[in-house]
Structure formats: C-alpha cells, structure tokens
Amino acid sequence: MPGRTVELRRGYSSKTDALWGTVAQTLRADSLEDFFDRVPFQTVMPTARDRDEAIQMAASILGISRVGPIPLFAFEVRFR
C-alpha cells in the first residue's frame, strides 16, 4: 500500500544490512512483457542494454518464465 513503511533485507540474519523506505507506488502486471511495457526497463535493470535483455535478467532473478502470463506485483520504494 502506498505510504507504508517497509524494511528490505536479504533474509533474517542481518539487520545491519536492512534498507528502510516508504512504498511510493504499486503496479500489477500480467507478465514481464506487460510490466516492461509500463515501466522503463532502465529504471529496473539499469545494466540491461535493451528491453529484451531486461526481461531476460528479471526472469532469471525471479526464477520465472520470460514469456506467457505470470501475474506480477511490483512496488517502488523511496529510501530514507
């Protein structure tokens, strides 16, 4: 929910590496293609050379198929 405070970290072991922020906005998408049609790939995958490479990278990170309907929920966090 926008406005909500969130804590992001890699697992439960290290609280010192936590990042704190506020949810700025949320987005539901039906697939990675749908997501990257609505969000510029450079803002999510800045090292990707193009949209297709961003889709491939995101699919690999998330462990999902790069094509087809896969419901996604994304959120933008503004860090403190």
PDB file of N, CA and C in Angstrom:
ATOM      1  N   MET A   1       0.839  -1.170   0.000  1.00  0.00           N
ATOM      2  CA  MET A   1       0.000   0.000   0.000  1.00  0.00           C
ATOM      3  C   MET A   1       0.896   1.250   0.000  1.00  0.00           C
ATOM      4  N   PRO A   2       0.685   2.161  -0.917  1.00  0.00           N
ATOM      5  CA  PRO A   2       1.487   3.395  -0.926  1.00  0.00           C
ATOM      6  C   PRO A   2       1.429   4.118   0.411  1.00  0.00           C
ATOM      7  N   GLY A   3       2.586   4.620   0.824  1.00  0.00           N
ATOM      8  CA  GLY A   3       2.706   5.314   2.100  1.00  0.00           C
ATOM      9  C   GLY A   3       3.175   4.426   3.235  1.00  0.00           C
ATOM     10  N   ARG A   4       3.159   3.136   3.024  1.00  0.00           N
ATOM     11  CA  ARG A   4       3.552   2.192   4.065  1.00  0.00           C
ATOM     12  C   ARG A   4       5.073   2.125   4.205  1.00  0.00           C
ATOM     13  N   THR A   5       5.562   2.052   5.423  1.00  0.00           N
ATOM     14  CA  THR A   5       6.984   1.890   5.695  1.00  0.00           C
ATOM     15  C   THR A   5       7.356   0.425   5.473  1.00  0.00           C
ATOM     16  N   VAL A   6       8.489   0.196   4.807  1.00  0.00           N
ATOM     17  CA  VAL A   6       8.947  -1.163   4.534  1.00  0.00           C
ATOM     18  C   VAL A   6      10.418  -1.322   4.902  1.00  0.00           C
ATOM     19  N   GLU A   7      10.766  -2.549   5.240  1.00  0.00           N
ATOM     20  CA  GLU A   7      12.152  -2.932   5.500  1.00  0.00           C
ATOM     21  C   GLU A   7      12.529  -3.987   4.476  1.00  0.00           C
ATOM     22  N   LEU A   8      13.616  -3.755   3.748  1.00  0.00           N
ATOM     23  CA  LEU A   8      14.098  -4.703   2.754  1.00  0.00           C
ATOM     24  C   LEU A   8      15.455  -5.225   3.198  1.00  0.00           C
ATOM     25  N   ARG A   9      15.596  -6.566   3.188  1.00  0.00           N
ATOM     26  CA  ARG A   9      16.884  -7.162   3.513  1.00  0.00           C
ATOM     27  C   ARG A   9      16.957  -8.562   2.948  1.00  0.00           C
ATOM     28  N   ARG A  10      18.137  -9.095   2.932  1.00  0.00           N
ATOM     29  CA  ARG A  10      18.377 -10.439   2.399  1.00  0.00           C
ATOM     30  C   ARG A  10      18.271 -11.451   3.530  1.00  0.00           C
ATOM     31  N   GLY A  11      17.085 -11.944   3.750  1.00  0.00           N
ATOM     32  CA  GLY A  11      16.879 -12.940   4.798  1.00  0.00           C
ATOM     33  C   GLY A  11      16.725 -12.311   6.161  1.00  0.00           C
ATOM     34  N   TYR A  12      16.766 -13.154   7.165  1.00  0.00           N
ATOM     35  CA  TYR A  12      16.512 -12.708   8.530  1.00  0.00           C
ATOM     36  C   TYR A  12      17.772 -12.507   9.360  1.00  0.00           C
ATOM     37  N   SER A  13      18.935 -12.880   8.825  1.00  0.00           N
ATOM     38  CA  SER A  13      20.132 -12.921   9.648  1.00  0.00           C
ATOM     39  C   SER A  13      20.758 -11.566   9.960  1.00  0.00           C
ATOM     40  N   SER A  14      20.730 -10.616   9.048  1.00  0.00           N
ATOM     41  CA  SER A  14      21.477  -9.383   9.268  1.00  0.00           C
ATOM     42  C   SER A  14      20.573  -8.156   9.240  1.00  0.00           C
ATOM     43  N   LYS A  15      20.302  -7.635  10.408  1.00  0.00           N
ATOM     44  CA  LYS A  15      19.509  -6.410  10.476  1.00  0.00           C
ATOM     45  C   LYS A  15      20.330  -5.180  10.113  1.00  0.00           C
ATOM     46  N   THR A  16      21.655  -5.295  10.162  1.00  0.00           N
ATOM     47  CA  THR A  16      22.501  -4.132   9.865  1.00  0.00           C
ATOM     48  C   THR A  16      22.498  -3.790   8.374  1.00  0.00           C
ATOM     49  N   ASP A  17      22.163  -4.763   7.532  1.00  0.00           N
ATOM     50  CA  ASP A  17      22.133  -4.518   6.089  1.00  0.00           C
ATOM     51  C   ASP A  17      20.750  -4.108   5.591  1.00  0.00           C
ATOM     52  N   ALA A  18      19.822  -3.899   6.497  1.00  0.00           N
ATOM     53  CA  ALA A  18      18.446  -3.569   6.106  1.00  0.00           C
ATOM     54  C   ALA A  18      18.369  -2.184   5.472  1.00  0.00           C
ATOM     55  N   LEU A  19      17.484  -2.073   4.500  1.00  0.00           N
ATOM     56  CA  LEU A  19      17.171  -0.788   3.877  1.00  0.00           C
ATOM     57  C   LEU A  19      15.747  -0.424   4.272  1.00  0.00           C
ATOM     58  N   TRP A  20      15.534   0.808   4.700  1.00  0.00           N
ATOM     59  CA  TRP A  20      14.210   1.268   5.092  1.00  0.00           C
ATOM     60  C   TRP A  20      13.710   2.297   4.103  1.00  0.00           C
ATOM     61  N   GLY A  21      12.416   2.259   3.833  1.00  0.00           N
ATOM     62  CA  GLY A  21      11.833   3.218   2.910  1.00  0.00           C
ATOM     63  C   GLY A  21      10.326   3.237   3.025  1.00  0.00           C
ATOM     64  N   THR A  22       9.717   3.910   2.076  1.00  0.00           N
ATOM     65  CA  THR A  22       8.261   4.041   2.010  1.00  0.00           C
ATOM     66  C   THR A  22       7.798   3.622   0.623  1.00  0.00           C
ATOM     67  N   VAL A  23       6.730   2.841   0.565  1.00  0.00           N
ATOM     68  CA  VAL A  23       6.173   2.436  -0.722  1.00  0.00           C
ATOM     69  C   VAL A  23       5.617   3.678  -1.405  1.00  0.00           C
ATOM     70  N   ALA A  24       6.151   3.977  -2.589  1.00  0.00           N
ATOM     71  CA  ALA A  24       5.713   5.153  -3.339  1.00  0.00           C
ATOM     72  C   ALA A  24       4.532   4.818  -4.242  1.00  0.00           C
ATOM     73  N   GLN A  25       4.621   3.670  -4.927  1.00  0.00           N
ATOM     74  CA  GLN A  25       3.533   3.246  -5.791  1.00  0.00           C
ATOM     75  C   GLN A  25       3.614   1.750  -6.029  1.00  0.00           C
ATOM     76  N   THR A  26       2.508   1.168  -6.458  1.00  0.00           N
ATOM     77  CA  THR A  26       2.446  -0.257  -6.746  1.00  0.00           C
ATOM     78  C   THR A  26       1.946  -0.465  -8.167  1.00  0.00           C
ATOM     79  N   LEU A  27       2.212  -1.653  -8.696  1.00  0.00           N
ATOM     80  CA  LEU A  27       1.811  -1.979 -10.059  1.00  0.00           C
ATOM     81  C   LEU A  27       1.551  -3.469 -10.160  1.00  0.00           C
ATOM     82  N   ARG A  28       0.412  -3.827 -10.732  1.00  0.00           N
ATOM     83  CA  ARG A  28       0.114  -5.220 -11.063  1.00  0.00           C
ATOM     84  C   ARG A  28       0.285  -5.383 -12.558  1.00  0.00           C
ATOM     85  N   ALA A  29       0.960  -6.473 -12.951  1.00  0.00           N
ATOM     86  CA  ALA A  29       1.171  -6.751 -14.363  1.00  0.00           C
ATOM     87  C   ALA A  29       0.854  -8.217 -14.622  1.00  0.00           C
ATOM     88  N   ASP A  30       0.470  -8.521 -15.853  1.00  0.00           N
ATOM     89  CA  ASP A  30       0.104  -9.887 -16.219  1.00  0.00           C
ATOM     90  C   ASP A  30       1.291 -10.717 -16.689  1.00  0.00           C
ATOM     91  N   SER A  31       2.420 -10.074 -16.935  1.00  0.00           N
ATOM     92  CA  SER A  31       3.619 -10.767 -17.414  1.00  0.00           C
ATOM     93  C   SER A  31       4.793  -9.798 -17.345  1.00  0.00           C
ATOM     94  N   LEU A  32       5.984 -10.329 -17.570  1.00  0.00           N
ATOM     95  CA  LEU A  32       7.153  -9.450 -17.634  1.00  0.00           C
ATOM     96  C   LEU A  32       7.046  -8.495 -18.817  1.00  0.00           C
ATOM     97  N   GLU A  33       6.518  -8.984 -19.927  1.00  0.00           N
ATOM     98  CA  GLU A  33       6.340  -8.106 -21.082  1.00  0.00           C
ATOM     99  C   GLU A  33       5.405  -6.947 -20.748  1.00  0.00           C
ATOM    100  N   ASP A  34       4.300  -7.262 -20.085  1.00  0.00           N
ATOM    101  CA  ASP A  34       3.342  -6.232 -19.665  1.00  0.00           C
ATOM    102  C   ASP A  34       4.011  -5.238 -18.712  1.00  0.00           C
ATOM    103  N   PHE A  35       4.766  -5.759 -17.768  1.00  0.00           N
ATOM    104  CA  PHE A  35       5.465  -4.896 -16.805  1.00  0.00           C
ATOM    105  C   PHE A  35       6.392  -3.918 -17.522  1.00  0.00           C
ATOM    106  N   PHE A  36       7.225  -4.442 -18.428  1.00  0.00           N
ATOM    107  CA  PHE A  36       8.189  -3.579 -19.109  1.00  0.00           C
ATOM    108  C   PHE A  36       7.560  -2.737 -20.215  1.00  0.00           C
ATOM    109  N   ASP A  37       6.308  -2.999 -20.560  1.00  0.00           N
ATOM    110  CA  ASP A  37       5.569  -2.073 -21.421  1.00  0.00           C
ATOM    111  C   ASP A  37       5.165  -0.830 -20.633  1.00  0.00           C
ATOM    112  N   ARG A  38       5.047  -0.974 -19.324  1.00  0.00           N
ATOM    113  CA  ARG A  38       4.538   0.108 -18.479  1.00  0.00           C
ATOM    114  C   ARG A  38       5.614   0.794 -17.645  1.00  0.00           C
ATOM    115  N   VAL A  39       6.750   0.137 -17.477  1.00  0.00           N
ATOM    116  CA  VAL A  39       7.851   0.693 -16.673  1.00  0.00           C
ATOM    117  C   VAL A  39       9.116   0.689 -17.533  1.00  0.00           C
ATOM    118  N   PRO A  40       9.785   1.818 -17.677  1.00  0.00           N
ATOM    119  CA  PRO A  40      11.027   1.842 -18.466  1.00  0.00           C
ATOM    120  C   PRO A  40      12.054   0.862 -17.899  1.00  0.00           C
ATOM    121  N   PHE A  41      12.569  -0.012 -18.754  1.00  0.00           N
ATOM    122  CA  PHE A  41      13.474  -1.057 -18.277  1.00  0.00           C
ATOM    123  C   PHE A  41      14.693  -0.490 -17.561  1.00  0.00           C
ATOM    124  N   GLN A  42      15.156   0.702 -17.957  1.00  0.00           N
ATOM    125  CA  GLN A  42      16.361   1.285 -17.358  1.00  0.00           C
ATOM    126  C   GLN A  42      16.173   1.594 -15.868  1.00  0.00           C
ATOM    127  N   THR A  43      14.940   1.844 -15.444  1.00  0.00           N
ATOM    128  CA  THR A  43      14.711   2.157 -14.032  1.00  0.00           C
ATOM    129  C   THR A  43      14.757   0.918 -13.156  1.00  0.00           C
ATOM    130  N   VAL A  44      14.559  -0.262 -13.767  1.00  0.00           N
ATOM    131  CA  VAL A  44      14.540  -1.513 -13.006  1.00  0.00           C
ATOM    132  C   VAL A  44      15.827  -2.303 -13.206  1.00  0.00           C
ATOM    133  N   MET A  45      16.299  -2.340 -14.424  1.00  0.00           N
ATOM    134  CA  MET A  45      17.506  -3.084 -14.792  1.00  0.00           C
ATOM    135  C   MET A  45      18.469  -2.144 -15.509  1.00  0.00           C
ATOM    136  N   PRO A  46      19.139  -1.256 -14.779  1.00  0.00           N
ATOM    137  CA  PRO A  46      19.974  -0.235 -15.430  1.00  0.00           C
ATOM    138  C   PRO A  46      21.144  -0.791 -16.227  1.00  0.00           C
ATOM    139  N   THR A  47      21.552  -2.033 -15.972  1.00  0.00           N
ATOM    140  CA  THR A  47      22.675  -2.587 -16.731  1.00  0.00           C
ATOM    141  C   THR A  47      22.223  -3.280 -18.017  1.00  0.00           C
ATOM    142  N   ALA A  48      20.922  -3.437 -18.208  1.00  0.00           N
ATOM    143  CA  ALA A  48      20.413  -4.070 -19.431  1.00  0.00           C
ATOM    144  C   ALA A  48      20.613  -3.143 -20.623  1.00  0.00           C
ATOM    145  N   ARG A  49      20.975  -3.733 -21.752  1.00  0.00           N
ATOM    146  CA  ARG A  49      21.192  -2.947 -22.972  1.00  0.00           C
ATOM    147  C   ARG A  49      19.887  -2.574 -23.663  1.00  0.00           C
ATOM    148  N   ASP A  50      18.859  -3.419 -23.462  1.00  0.00           N
ATOM    149  CA  ASP A  50      17.571  -3.152 -24.092  1.00  0.00           C
ATOM    150  C   ASP A  50      16.465  -3.855 -23.297  1.00  0.00           C
ATOM    151  N   ARG A  51      15.227  -3.644 -23.735  1.00  0.00           N
ATOM    152  CA  ARG A  51      14.053  -4.193 -23.036  1.00  0.00           C
ATOM    153  C   ARG A  51      14.105  -5.719 -22.978  1.00  0.00           C
ATOM    154  N   ASP A  52      14.490  -6.355 -24.084  1.00  0.00           N
ATOM    155  CA  ASP A  52      14.547  -7.811 -24.124  1.00  0.00           C
ATOM    156  C   ASP A  52      15.548  -8.365 -23.112  1.00  0.00           C
ATOM    157  N   GLU A  53      16.704  -7.724 -23.012  1.00  0.00           N
ATOM    158  CA  GLU A  53      17.695  -8.169 -22.040  1.00  0.00           C
ATOM    159  C   GLU A  53      17.180  -7.948 -20.611  1.00  0.00           C
ATOM    160  N   ALA A  54      16.457  -6.867 -20.383  1.00  0.00           N
ATOM    161  CA  ALA A  54      15.874  -6.609 -19.062  1.00  0.00           C
ATOM    162  C   ALA A  54      14.868  -7.693 -18.694  1.00  0.00           C
ATOM    163  N   ILE A  55      14.058  -8.106 -19.654  1.00  0.00           N
ATOM    164  CA  ILE A  55      13.096  -9.185 -19.406  1.00  0.00           C
ATOM    165  C   ILE A  55      13.834 -10.472 -19.063  1.00  0.00           C
ATOM    166  N   GLN A  56      14.870 -10.778 -19.814  1.00  0.00           N
ATOM    167  CA  GLN A  56      15.661 -11.983 -19.564  1.00  0.00           C
ATOM    168  C   GLN A  56      16.297 -11.941 -18.174  1.00  0.00           C
ATOM    169  N   MET A  57      16.867 -10.808 -17.794  1.00  0.00           N
ATOM    170  CA  MET A  57      17.505 -10.669 -16.486  1.00  0.00           C
ATOM    171  C   MET A  57      16.480 -10.812 -15.356  1.00  0.00           C
ATOM    172  N   ALA A  58      15.335 -10.162 -15.514  1.00  0.00           N
ATOM    173  CA  ALA A  58      14.294 -10.231 -14.486  1.00  0.00           C
ATOM    174  C   ALA A  58      13.774 -11.652 -14.329  1.00  0.00           C
ATOM    175  N   ALA A  59      13.560 -12.347 -15.442  1.00  0.00           N
ATOM    176  CA  ALA A  59      13.089 -13.729 -15.385  1.00  0.00           C
ATOM    177  C   ALA A  59      14.092 -14.614 -14.655  1.00  0.00           C
ATOM    178  N   SER A  60      15.368 -14.395 -14.918  1.00  0.00           N
ATOM    179  CA  SER A  60      16.413 -15.176 -14.255  1.00  0.00           C
ATOM    180  C   SER A  60      16.453 -14.903 -12.753  1.00  0.00           C
ATOM    181  N   ILE A  61      16.401 -13.649 -12.375  1.00  0.00           N
ATOM    182  CA  ILE A  61      16.430 -13.278 -10.956  1.00  0.00           C
ATOM    183  C   ILE A  61      15.218 -13.837 -10.220  1.00  0.00           C
ATOM    184  N   LEU A  62      14.040 -13.737 -10.848  1.00  0.00           N
ATOM    185  CA  LEU A  62      12.804 -14.178 -10.205  1.00  0.00           C
ATOM    186  C   LEU A  62      12.558 -15.678 -10.336  1.00  0.00           C
ATOM    187  N   GLY A  63      13.304 -16.341 -11.213  1.00  0.00           N
ATOM    188  CA  GLY A  63      13.118 -17.771 -11.416  1.00  0.00           C
ATOM    189  C   GLY A  63      11.786 -18.099 -12.083  1.00  0.00           C
ATOM    190  N   ILE A  64      11.384 -17.260 -13.047  1.00  0.00           N
ATOM    191  CA  ILE A  64      10.115 -17.453 -13.743  1.00  0.00           C
ATOM    192  C   ILE A  64      10.354 -17.466 -15.243  1.00  0.00           C
ATOM    193  N   SER A  65       9.322 -17.852 -15.979  1.00  0.00           N
ATOM    194  CA  SER A  65       9.398 -17.840 -17.439  1.00  0.00           C
ATOM    195  C   SER A  65       9.401 -16.399 -17.934  1.00  0.00           C
ATOM    196  N   ARG A  66      10.132 -16.154 -18.982  1.00  0.00           N
ATOM    197  CA  ARG A  66      10.192 -14.802 -19.532  1.00  0.00           C
ATOM    198  C   ARG A  66       9.012 -14.489 -20.435  1.00  0.00           C
ATOM    199  N   VAL A  67       8.234 -15.491 -20.814  1.00  0.00           N
ATOM    200  CA  VAL A  67       7.067 -15.294 -21.674  1.00  0.00           C
ATOM    201  C   VAL A  67       5.834 -15.895 -21.022  1.00  0.00           C
ATOM    202  N   GLY A  68       4.691 -15.459 -21.511  1.00  0.00           N
ATOM    203  CA  GLY A  68       3.438 -16.008 -21.030  1.00  0.00           C
ATOM    204  C   GLY A  68       2.888 -15.263 -19.836  1.00  0.00           C
ATOM    205  N   PRO A  69       1.646 -15.577 -19.510  1.00  0.00           N
ATOM    206  CA  PRO A  69       1.004 -14.892 -18.383  1.00  0.00           C
ATOM    207  C   PRO A  69       1.540 -15.380 -17.042  1.00  0.00           C
ATOM    208  N   ILE A  70       2.175 -14.483 -16.342  1.00  0.00           N
ATOM    209  CA  ILE A  70       2.658 -14.730 -14.989  1.00  0.00           C
ATOM    210  C   ILE A  70       2.336 -13.483 -14.192  1.00  0.00           C
ATOM    211  N   PRO A  71       1.325 -13.530 -13.338  1.00  0.00           N
ATOM    212  CA  PRO A  71       0.946 -12.334 -12.583  1.00  0.00           C
ATOM    213  C   PRO A  71       2.113 -11.829 -11.723  1.00  0.00           C
ATOM    214  N   LEU A  72       2.343 -10.531 -11.789  1.00  0.00           N
ATOM    215  CA  LEU A  72       3.416  -9.898 -11.018  1.00  0.00           C
ATOM    216  C   LEU A  72       2.847  -8.738 -10.222  1.00  0.00           C
ATOM    217  N   PHE A  73       3.463  -8.491  -9.088  1.00  0.00           N
ATOM    218  CA  PHE A  73       3.128  -7.331  -8.284  1.00  0.00           C
ATOM    219  C   PHE A  73       4.440  -6.626  -7.979  1.00  0.00           C
ATOM    220  N   ALA A  74       4.554  -5.379  -8.385  1.00  0.00           N
ATOM    221  CA  ALA A  74       5.788  -4.619  -8.179  1.00  0.00           C
ATOM    222  C   ALA A  74       5.490  -3.396  -7.337  1.00  0.00           C
ATOM    223  N   PHE A  75       6.521  -2.922  -6.670  1.00  0.00           N
ATOM    224  CA  PHE A  75       6.354  -1.698  -5.890  1.00  0.00           C
ATOM    225  C   PHE A  75       7.627  -0.872  -5.958  1.00  0.00           C
ATOM    226  N   GLU A  76       7.458   0.430  -5.956  1.00  0.00           N
ATOM    227  CA  GLU A  76       8.568   1.373  -5.928  1.00  0.00           C
ATOM    228  C   GLU A  76       8.759   1.809  -4.487  1.00  0.00           C
ATOM    229  N   VAL A  77       9.995   1.767  -4.025  1.00  0.00           N
ATOM    230  CA  VAL A  77      10.311   2.186  -2.668  1.00  0.00           C
ATOM    231  C   VAL A  77      11.164   3.439  -2.721  1.00  0.00           C
ATOM    232  N   ARG A  78      10.797   4.430  -1.967  1.00  0.00           N
ATOM    233  CA  ARG A  78      11.636   5.617  -1.775  1.00  0.00           C
ATOM    234  C   ARG A  78      12.377   5.420  -0.466  1.00  0.00           C
ATOM    235  N   PHE A  79      13.697   5.359  -0.573  1.00  0.00           N
ATOM    236  CA  PHE A  79      14.521   5.059   0.596  1.00  0.00           C
ATOM    237  C   PHE A  79      14.730   6.284   1.464  1.00  0.00           C
ATOM    238  N   ARG A  80      14.888   6.034   2.741  1.00  0.00           N
ATOM    239  CA  ARG A  80      15.107   7.110   3.717  1.00  0.00           C
ATOM    240  C   ARG A  80      16.535   7.580   3.672  1.00  0.00           C
TER     241      ARG A  80
END
